[in-house]
């Protein structure tokens, strides 16, 4: 019973974090939809006008988005890690917490890159003050990038890793707190290698586009959980992105 409660507690904490992140995103979207533009904070249109608070707010937005969109797909790996810890009579809650922290740390670092990209896109007038895309060529280019990346061997390799939690744990297991943290970093790096291009699509559909967030989250989860060969999933999704990008150039 104690082991069952430990696993339930870990799952409950992860789900609470996911719901909190999505709750914040829905709240922010509601604020943007209901408040007049004059009373809202918006990223400056000129790159030289950005202050520390602007970078901090944009970074926080991306960090929450990455947690909301990527944690759901990591649940099978997290639970598998906690189960192995219990089987080895190790403190599963502590070690799993370190594993999750390291995993999220990779995506929080990636949020820095996304923040800098957004800063430049505002400066180039590729994004509106409401963070919507106003450059169809940019949107198509992002979709082509994401589409072509789906056909690259590194994408397939990273997705294969993410689809086989027990295989990763058997091959990469390291004991102790440092080992748990290193494993979380490695899983996060593989997850980033699998999904970074898909996250860029938010610049194409609108940074605060809730429907876009939901669809990309579902896509990431489907890629990692559907009982279909990694190569087939990669190619199917890649073809869809390429068709979408071509459509944007035609209309």
C-alpha atoms as a PDB file:
ATOM      1  CA  UNK A   1       0.000   0.000   0.000  1.00  0.00           C
ATOM      2  CA  UNK A   2       2.856   2.377   0.823  1.00  0.00           C
ATOM      3  CA  UNK A   3       4.404   1.875  -2.583  1.00  0.00           C
ATOM      4  CA  UNK A   4       1.073   2.452  -4.267  1.00  0.00           C
ATOM      5  CA  UNK A   5       0.584   5.661  -2.282  1.00  0.00           C
ATOM      6  CA  UNK A   6       4.065   6.872  -3.243  1.00  0.00           C
ATOM      7  CA  UNK A   7       3.349   6.374  -6.944  1.00  0.00           C
ATOM      8  CA  UNK A   8      -0.047   8.034  -6.583  1.00  0.00           C
ATOM      9  CA  UNK A   9       1.525  10.992  -4.792  1.00  0.00           C
ATOM     10  CA  UNK A  10       4.126  11.457  -7.529  1.00  0.00           C
ATOM     11  CA  UNK A  11       1.469  11.325 -10.229  1.00  0.00           C
ATOM     12  CA  UNK A  12      -0.743  13.748  -8.284  1.00  0.00           C
ATOM     13  CA  UNK A  13       2.109  16.260  -7.942  1.00  0.00           C
ATOM     14  CA  UNK A  14       2.959  16.065 -11.644  1.00  0.00           C
ATOM     15  CA  UNK A  15      -0.700  16.472 -12.627  1.00  0.00           C
ATOM     16  CA  UNK A  16      -1.047  19.409 -10.228  1.00  0.00           C
ATOM     17  CA  UNK A  17       1.910  21.089 -11.921  1.00  0.00           C
ATOM     18  CA  UNK A  18       0.403  20.459 -15.352  1.00  0.00           C
ATOM     19  CA  UNK A  19      -2.999  21.833 -14.356  1.00  0.00           C
ATOM     20  CA  UNK A  20      -1.408  24.873 -12.707  1.00  0.00           C
ATOM     21  CA  UNK A  21       0.599  25.628 -15.858  1.00  0.00           C
ATOM     22  CA  UNK A  22      -2.423  25.270 -18.132  1.00  0.00           C
ATOM     23  CA  UNK A  23      -4.512  27.311 -15.697  1.00  0.00           C
ATOM     24  CA  UNK A  24      -2.022  30.161 -15.948  1.00  0.00           C
ATOM     25  CA  UNK A  25      -2.036  29.992 -19.755  1.00  0.00           C
ATOM     26  CA  UNK A  26      -5.841  30.065 -19.893  1.00  0.00           C
ATOM     27  CA  UNK A  27      -5.857  32.982 -17.444  1.00  0.00           C
ATOM     28  CA  UNK A  28      -3.362  34.931 -19.542  1.00  0.00           C
ATOM     29  CA  UNK A  29      -5.332  34.217 -22.701  1.00  0.00           C
ATOM     30  CA  UNK A  30      -8.502  35.420 -21.010  1.00  0.00           C
ATOM     31  CA  UNK A  31      -6.788  38.613 -19.893  1.00  0.00           C
ATOM     32  CA  UNK A  32      -5.583  39.303 -23.416  1.00  0.00           C
ATOM     33  CA  UNK A  33      -9.048  38.691 -24.846  1.00  0.00           C
ATOM     34  CA  UNK A  34     -10.955  40.806 -22.328  1.00  0.00           C
ATOM     35  CA  UNK A  35      -8.717  43.786 -21.536  1.00  0.00           C
ATOM     36  CA  UNK A  36      -8.224  46.787 -23.807  1.00  0.00           C
ATOM     37  CA  UNK A  37      -4.793  46.946 -25.396  1.00  0.00           C
ATOM     38  CA  UNK A  38      -4.028  50.211 -23.614  1.00  0.00           C
ATOM     39  CA  UNK A  39      -4.146  48.508 -20.192  1.00  0.00           C
ATOM     40  CA  UNK A  40      -2.147  45.382 -21.097  1.00  0.00           C
ATOM     41  CA  UNK A  41       1.553  44.715 -20.975  1.00  0.00           C
ATOM     42  CA  UNK A  42       2.868  43.855 -24.418  1.00  0.00           C
ATOM     43  CA  UNK A  43       6.404  43.155 -25.613  1.00  0.00           C
ATOM     44  CA  UNK A  44       7.968  46.288 -27.153  1.00  0.00           C
ATOM     45  CA  UNK A  45       7.978  46.354 -30.940  1.00  0.00           C
ATOM     46  CA  UNK A  46      11.570  47.628 -31.074  1.00  0.00           C
ATOM     47  CA  UNK A  47      14.310  45.333 -29.823  1.00  0.00           C
ATOM     48  CA  UNK A  48      16.274  48.196 -28.251  1.00  0.00           C
ATOM     49  CA  UNK A  49      13.227  49.147 -26.180  1.00  0.00           C
ATOM     50  CA  UNK A  50      13.169  45.850 -24.288  1.00  0.00           C
ATOM     51  CA  UNK A  51      13.959  46.110 -20.581  1.00  0.00           C
ATOM     52  CA  UNK A  52      14.828  43.372 -18.101  1.00  0.00           C
ATOM     53  CA  UNK A  53      11.172  43.055 -17.051  1.00  0.00           C
ATOM     54  CA  UNK A  54      10.134  42.435 -20.665  1.00  0.00           C
ATOM     55  CA  UNK A  55      12.651  39.616 -21.044  1.00  0.00           C
ATOM     56  CA  UNK A  56      11.601  38.197 -17.667  1.00  0.00           C
ATOM     57  CA  UNK A  57       7.883  38.196 -18.507  1.00  0.00           C
ATOM     58  CA  UNK A  58       8.394  36.643 -21.936  1.00  0.00           C
ATOM     59  CA  UNK A  59      10.734  34.029 -20.462  1.00  0.00           C
ATOM     60  CA  UNK A  60       8.236  33.167 -17.718  1.00  0.00           C
ATOM     61  CA  UNK A  61       5.501  32.772 -20.334  1.00  0.00           C
ATOM     62  CA  UNK A  62       7.642  30.364 -22.386  1.00  0.00           C
ATOM     63  CA  UNK A  63       8.778  28.442 -19.298  1.00  0.00           C
ATOM     64  CA  UNK A  64       5.184  27.846 -18.230  1.00  0.00           C
ATOM     65  CA  UNK A  65       4.261  26.867 -21.787  1.00  0.00           C
ATOM     66  CA  UNK A  66       7.069  24.324 -21.967  1.00  0.00           C
ATOM     67  CA  UNK A  67       6.037  22.788 -18.643  1.00  0.00           C
ATOM     68  CA  UNK A  68       2.373  22.658 -19.704  1.00  0.00           C
ATOM     69  CA  UNK A  69       3.117  21.169 -23.121  1.00  0.00           C
ATOM     70  CA  UNK A  70       5.942  18.740 -22.302  1.00  0.00           C
ATOM     71  CA  UNK A  71       5.211  17.353 -18.840  1.00  0.00           C
ATOM     72  CA  UNK A  72       2.152  15.344 -20.000  1.00  0.00           C
ATOM     73  CA  UNK A  73       4.260  13.369 -22.471  1.00  0.00           C
ATOM     74  CA  UNK A  74       6.888  12.696 -19.787  1.00  0.00           C
ATOM     75  CA  UNK A  75       4.462  11.005 -17.369  1.00  0.00           C
ATOM     76  CA  UNK A  76       5.166   7.421 -18.608  1.00  0.00           C
ATOM     77  CA  UNK A  77       8.915   7.927 -18.145  1.00  0.00           C
ATOM     78  CA  UNK A  78       8.446   9.559 -14.729  1.00  0.00           C
ATOM     79  CA  UNK A  79       6.233   6.737 -13.453  1.00  0.00           C
ATOM     80  CA  UNK A  80       8.596   4.091 -14.855  1.00  0.00           C
ATOM     81  CA  UNK A  81      11.517   5.774 -13.089  1.00  0.00           C
ATOM     82  CA  UNK A  82       9.599   5.885  -9.788  1.00  0.00           C
ATOM     83  CA  UNK A  83       8.629   2.217 -10.176  1.00  0.00           C
ATOM     84  CA  UNK A  84      12.259   1.124 -10.659  1.00  0.00           C
ATOM     85  CA  UNK A  85      13.275   3.173  -7.616  1.00  0.00           C
ATOM     86  CA  UNK A  86      10.664   1.377  -5.509  1.00  0.00           C
ATOM     87  CA  UNK A  87      11.725  -2.026  -6.812  1.00  0.00           C
ATOM     88  CA  UNK A  88      15.278  -1.251  -5.696  1.00  0.00           C
ATOM     89  CA  UNK A  89      14.046  -0.004  -2.296  1.00  0.00           C
ATOM     90  CA  UNK A  90      15.333   3.494  -2.965  1.00  0.00           C
ATOM     91  CA  UNK A  91      13.663   6.810  -1.923  1.00  0.00           C
ATOM     92  CA  UNK A  92      11.459   7.120  -5.004  1.00  0.00           C
ATOM     93  CA  UNK A  93       9.933  10.500  -4.126  1.00  0.00           C
ATOM     94  CA  UNK A  94      13.287  12.230  -3.649  1.00  0.00           C
ATOM     95  CA  UNK A  95      14.961  10.652  -6.670  1.00  0.00           C
ATOM     96  CA  UNK A  96      11.944  11.159  -8.912  1.00  0.00           C
ATOM     97  CA  UNK A  97      11.822  14.806  -7.861  1.00  0.00           C
ATOM     98  CA  UNK A  98      15.440  15.209  -8.967  1.00  0.00           C
ATOM     99  CA  UNK A  99      14.697  13.414 -12.229  1.00  0.00           C
ATOM    100  CA  UNK A 100      11.745  15.720 -12.978  1.00  0.00           C
ATOM    101  CA  UNK A 101      13.718  18.839 -12.004  1.00  0.00           C
ATOM    102  CA  UNK A 102      16.532  17.959 -14.391  1.00  0.00           C
ATOM    103  CA  UNK A 103      14.081  17.127 -17.175  1.00  0.00           C
ATOM    104  CA  UNK A 104      12.287  20.441 -16.761  1.00  0.00           C
ATOM    105  CA  UNK A 105      15.635  22.227 -16.488  1.00  0.00           C
ATOM    106  CA  UNK A 106      16.400  21.333 -20.100  1.00  0.00           C
ATOM    107  CA  UNK A 107      13.133  22.889 -21.259  1.00  0.00           C
ATOM    108  CA  UNK A 108      13.662  25.940 -19.054  1.00  0.00           C
ATOM    109  CA  UNK A 109      17.027  26.475 -20.763  1.00  0.00           C
ATOM    110  CA  UNK A 110      15.343  26.103 -24.137  1.00  0.00           C
ATOM    111  CA  UNK A 111      12.876  28.790 -23.019  1.00  0.00           C
ATOM    112  CA  UNK A 112      15.824  31.209 -22.933  1.00  0.00           C
ATOM    113  CA  UNK A 113      16.417  30.546 -26.637  1.00  0.00           C
ATOM    114  CA  UNK A 114      12.714  30.986 -27.387  1.00  0.00           C
ATOM    115  CA  UNK A 115      12.725  34.296 -25.495  1.00  0.00           C
ATOM    116  CA  UNK A 116      15.651  35.584 -27.539  1.00  0.00           C
ATOM    117  CA  UNK A 117      13.967  34.450 -30.758  1.00  0.00           C
ATOM    118  CA  UNK A 118      10.797  36.296 -29.834  1.00  0.00           C
ATOM    119  CA  UNK A 119      12.808  39.408 -28.990  1.00  0.00           C
ATOM    120  CA  UNK A 120      14.328  39.399 -32.464  1.00  0.00           C
ATOM    121  CA  UNK A 121      11.024  38.638 -34.184  1.00  0.00           C
ATOM    122  CA  UNK A 122       9.390  41.641 -32.546  1.00  0.00           C
ATOM    123  CA  UNK A 123      12.329  43.791 -33.586  1.00  0.00           C
ATOM    124  CA  UNK A 124      11.948  42.623 -37.192  1.00  0.00           C
ATOM    125  CA  UNK A 125       8.174  43.240 -37.043  1.00  0.00           C
ATOM    126  CA  UNK A 126       7.479  39.546 -37.717  1.00  0.00           C
ATOM    127  CA  UNK A 127       5.217  39.408 -34.657  1.00  0.00           C
ATOM    128  CA  UNK A 128       2.448  41.808 -33.682  1.00  0.00           C
ATOM    129  CA  UNK A 129       2.342  43.403 -30.207  1.00  0.00           C
ATOM    130  CA  UNK A 130      -0.235  40.688 -29.362  1.00  0.00           C
ATOM    131  CA  UNK A 131       2.427  38.093 -30.315  1.00  0.00           C
ATOM    132  CA  UNK A 132       0.603  36.920 -33.438  1.00  0.00           C
ATOM    133  CA  UNK A 133       2.482  36.083 -36.627  1.00  0.00           C
ATOM    134  CA  UNK A 134       2.220  38.730 -39.346  1.00  0.00           C
ATOM    135  CA  UNK A 135       4.713  37.248 -41.798  1.00  0.00           C
ATOM    136  CA  UNK A 136       3.291  34.337 -43.857  1.00  0.00           C
ATOM    137  CA  UNK A 137       6.726  33.528 -45.266  1.00  0.00           C
ATOM    138  CA  UNK A 138       8.112  33.160 -41.739  1.00  0.00           C
ATOM    139  CA  UNK A 139       5.204  30.916 -40.748  1.00  0.00           C
ATOM    140  CA  UNK A 140       5.715  28.747 -43.826  1.00  0.00           C
ATOM    141  CA  UNK A 141       9.466  28.612 -43.200  1.00  0.00           C
ATOM    142  CA  UNK A 142       8.940  27.406 -39.628  1.00  0.00           C
ATOM    143  CA  UNK A 143       6.565  24.687 -40.843  1.00  0.00           C
ATOM    144  CA  UNK A 144       9.035  23.607 -43.537  1.00  0.00           C
ATOM    145  CA  UNK A 145      11.789  23.446 -40.906  1.00  0.00           C
ATOM    146  CA  UNK A 146       9.604  21.364 -38.592  1.00  0.00           C
ATOM    147  CA  UNK A 147       8.501  19.194 -41.500  1.00  0.00           C
ATOM    148  CA  UNK A 148      11.988  18.466 -42.855  1.00  0.00           C
ATOM    149  CA  UNK A 149      13.286  17.799 -39.338  1.00  0.00           C
ATOM    150  CA  UNK A 150      10.733  14.987 -38.983  1.00  0.00           C
ATOM    151  CA  UNK A 151      12.603  13.076 -41.723  1.00  0.00           C
ATOM    152  CA  UNK A 152      16.043  13.410 -40.098  1.00  0.00           C
ATOM    153  CA  UNK A 153      17.618  10.381 -38.348  1.00  0.00           C
ATOM    154  CA  UNK A 154      18.147  12.341 -35.115  1.00  0.00           C
ATOM    155  CA  UNK A 155      14.407  12.959 -34.844  1.00  0.00           C
ATOM    156  CA  UNK A 156      13.667   9.258 -35.193  1.00  0.00           C
ATOM    157  CA  UNK A 157      16.413   8.337 -32.713  1.00  0.00           C
ATOM    158  CA  UNK A 158      15.140  10.781 -30.087  1.00  0.00           C
ATOM    159  CA  UNK A 159      11.527   9.709 -30.571  1.00  0.00           C
ATOM    160  CA  UNK A 160      12.490   6.030 -30.273  1.00  0.00           C
ATOM    161  CA  UNK A 161      14.141   6.850 -26.942  1.00  0.00           C
ATOM    162  CA  UNK A 162      11.048   8.672 -25.691  1.00  0.00           C
ATOM    163  CA  UNK A 163       8.720   5.822 -26.735  1.00  0.00           C
ATOM    164  CA  UNK A 164      10.604   3.204 -24.693  1.00  0.00           C
ATOM    165  CA  UNK A 165      10.862   4.327 -21.045  1.00  0.00           C
ATOM    166  CA  UNK A 166      11.970   0.960 -19.675  1.00  0.00           C
ATOM    167  CA  UNK A 167      14.598   0.602 -22.399  1.00  0.00           C
ATOM    168  CA  UNK A 168      16.044   3.979 -21.451  1.00  0.00           C
ATOM    169  CA  UNK A 169      16.094   3.102 -17.752  1.00  0.00           C
ATOM    170  CA  UNK A 170      17.740  -0.280 -18.340  1.00  0.00           C
ATOM    171  CA  UNK A 171      20.466   1.212 -20.532  1.00  0.00           C
ATOM    172  CA  UNK A 172      21.062   4.502 -18.727  1.00  0.00           C
ATOM    173  CA  UNK A 173      20.452   3.726 -15.052  1.00  0.00           C
ATOM    174  CA  UNK A 174      22.727   5.488 -12.563  1.00  0.00           C
ATOM    175  CA  UNK A 175      22.432   5.142  -8.798  1.00  0.00           C
ATOM    176  CA  UNK A 176      22.008   7.903  -6.273  1.00  0.00           C
ATOM    177  CA  UNK A 177      20.807  11.492  -6.384  1.00  0.00           C
ATOM    178  CA  UNK A 178      23.457  12.546  -8.886  1.00  0.00           C
ATOM    179  CA  UNK A 179      22.502   9.613 -11.101  1.00  0.00           C
ATOM    180  CA  UNK A 180      18.813  10.533 -11.009  1.00  0.00           C
ATOM    181  CA  UNK A 181      19.640  14.111 -11.957  1.00  0.00           C
ATOM    182  CA  UNK A 182      21.928  13.030 -14.809  1.00  0.00           C
ATOM    183  CA  UNK A 183      19.253  10.665 -16.124  1.00  0.00           C
ATOM    184  CA  UNK A 184      16.701  13.481 -16.039  1.00  0.00           C
ATOM    185  CA  UNK A 185      19.074  15.687 -18.002  1.00  0.00           C
ATOM    186  CA  UNK A 186      19.645  12.957 -20.581  1.00  0.00           C
ATOM    187  CA  UNK A 187      15.948  12.260 -20.986  1.00  0.00           C
ATOM    188  CA  UNK A 188      15.285  15.996 -21.265  1.00  0.00           C
ATOM    189  CA  UNK A 189      17.980  16.341 -23.929  1.00  0.00           C
ATOM    190  CA  UNK A 190      16.481  13.494 -25.946  1.00  0.00           C
ATOM    191  CA  UNK A 191      13.011  14.962 -25.518  1.00  0.00           C
ATOM    192  CA  UNK A 192      14.302  18.338 -26.687  1.00  0.00           C
ATOM    193  CA  UNK A 193      15.911  16.683 -29.692  1.00  0.00           C
ATOM    194  CA  UNK A 194      12.564  15.128 -30.508  1.00  0.00           C
ATOM    195  CA  UNK A 195      10.291  18.142 -30.071  1.00  0.00           C
ATOM    196  CA  UNK A 196      12.201  21.454 -30.367  1.00  0.00           C
ATOM    197  CA  UNK A 197      11.074  22.138 -33.945  1.00  0.00           C
ATOM    198  CA  UNK A 198       7.443  21.495 -33.035  1.00  0.00           C
ATOM    199  CA  UNK A 199       7.676  24.103 -30.293  1.00  0.00           C
ATOM    200  CA  UNK A 200       8.787  26.693 -32.871  1.00  0.00           C
ATOM    201  CA  UNK A 201       5.424  26.269 -34.587  1.00  0.00           C
ATOM    202  CA  UNK A 202       3.976  28.494 -31.855  1.00  0.00           C
ATOM    203  CA  UNK A 203       5.698  31.392 -33.628  1.00  0.00           C
ATOM    204  CA  UNK A 204       3.768  30.460 -36.781  1.00  0.00           C
ATOM    205  CA  UNK A 205       0.305  30.112 -35.226  1.00  0.00           C
ATOM    206  CA  UNK A 206       0.628  32.839 -32.573  1.00  0.00           C
ATOM    207  CA  UNK A 207       2.632  32.601 -29.377  1.00  0.00           C
ATOM    208  CA  UNK A 208      -0.440  32.684 -27.118  1.00  0.00           C
ATOM    209  CA  UNK A 209      -2.669  30.603 -29.395  1.00  0.00           C
ATOM    210  CA  UNK A 210      -4.289  28.183 -26.928  1.00  0.00           C
ATOM    211  CA  UNK A 211      -5.613  25.891 -29.638  1.00  0.00           C
ATOM    212  CA  UNK A 212      -2.110  25.666 -31.085  1.00  0.00           C
ATOM    213  CA  UNK A 213      -0.701  24.778 -27.656  1.00  0.00           C
ATOM    214  CA  UNK A 214      -3.293  22.057 -27.147  1.00  0.00           C
ATOM    215  CA  UNK A 215      -2.816  20.539 -30.603  1.00  0.00           C
ATOM    216  CA  UNK A 216       0.985  20.483 -30.344  1.00  0.00           C
ATOM    217  CA  UNK A 217       0.727  18.932 -26.871  1.00  0.00           C
ATOM    218  CA  UNK A 218      -1.590  16.228 -28.202  1.00  0.00           C
ATOM    219  CA  UNK A 219       0.720  15.656 -31.168  1.00  0.00           C
ATOM    220  CA  UNK A 220       3.752  15.226 -28.908  1.00  0.00           C
ATOM    221  CA  UNK A 221       1.830  12.804 -26.691  1.00  0.00           C
ATOM    222  CA  UNK A 222       0.567  10.844 -29.699  1.00  0.00           C
ATOM    223  CA  UNK A 223       4.063  10.546 -31.174  1.00  0.00           C
ATOM    224  CA  UNK A 224       5.405   9.133 -27.920  1.00  0.00           C
ATOM    225  CA  UNK A 225       2.543   6.814 -26.953  1.00  0.00           C
ATOM    226  CA  UNK A 226       0.900   5.451 -30.116  1.00  0.00           C
ATOM    227  CA  UNK A 227       1.898   1.827 -30.832  1.00  0.00           C
ATOM    228  CA  UNK A 228       3.219   2.782 -34.261  1.00  0.00           C
ATOM    229  CA  UNK A 229       6.807   2.639 -35.522  1.00  0.00           C
ATOM    230  CA  UNK A 230       8.738   5.858 -34.889  1.00  0.00           C
ATOM    231  CA  UNK A 231       9.761   6.254 -38.539  1.00  0.00           C
ATOM    232  CA  UNK A 232       6.160   6.045 -39.726  1.00  0.00           C
ATOM    233  CA  UNK A 233       4.956   8.643 -37.231  1.00  0.00           C
ATOM    234  CA  UNK A 234       7.841  10.989 -38.053  1.00  0.00           C
ATOM    235  CA  UNK A 235       7.212  10.831 -41.790  1.00  0.00           C
ATOM    236  CA  UNK A 236       3.444  11.251 -41.482  1.00  0.00           C
ATOM    237  CA  UNK A 237       3.734  14.299 -39.252  1.00  0.00           C
ATOM    238  CA  UNK A 238       6.531  15.727 -41.399  1.00  0.00           C
ATOM    239  CA  UNK A 239       4.435  15.420 -44.551  1.00  0.00           C
ATOM    240  CA  UNK A 240       1.544  17.188 -42.807  1.00  0.00           C
ATOM    241  CA  UNK A 241       3.793  20.093 -41.772  1.00  0.00           C
ATOM    242  CA  UNK A 242       5.184  20.445 -45.303  1.00  0.00           C
ATOM    243  CA  UNK A 243       1.703  20.504 -46.831  1.00  0.00           C
ATOM    244  CA  UNK A 244       0.598  23.079 -44.250  1.00  0.00           C
ATOM    245  CA  UNK A 245       3.596  25.286 -45.034  1.00  0.00           C
ATOM    246  CA  UNK A 246       2.981  25.066 -48.782  1.00  0.00           C
ATOM    247  CA  UNK A 247      -0.657  25.965 -48.227  1.00  0.00           C
ATOM    248  CA  UNK A 248       0.354  29.156 -46.378  1.00  0.00           C
ATOM    249  CA  UNK A 249       2.506  30.212 -49.321  1.00  0.00           C
ATOM    250  CA  UNK A 250      -0.274  29.565 -51.843  1.00  0.00           C
ATOM    251  CA  UNK A 251      -3.147  31.386 -50.159  1.00  0.00           C
END
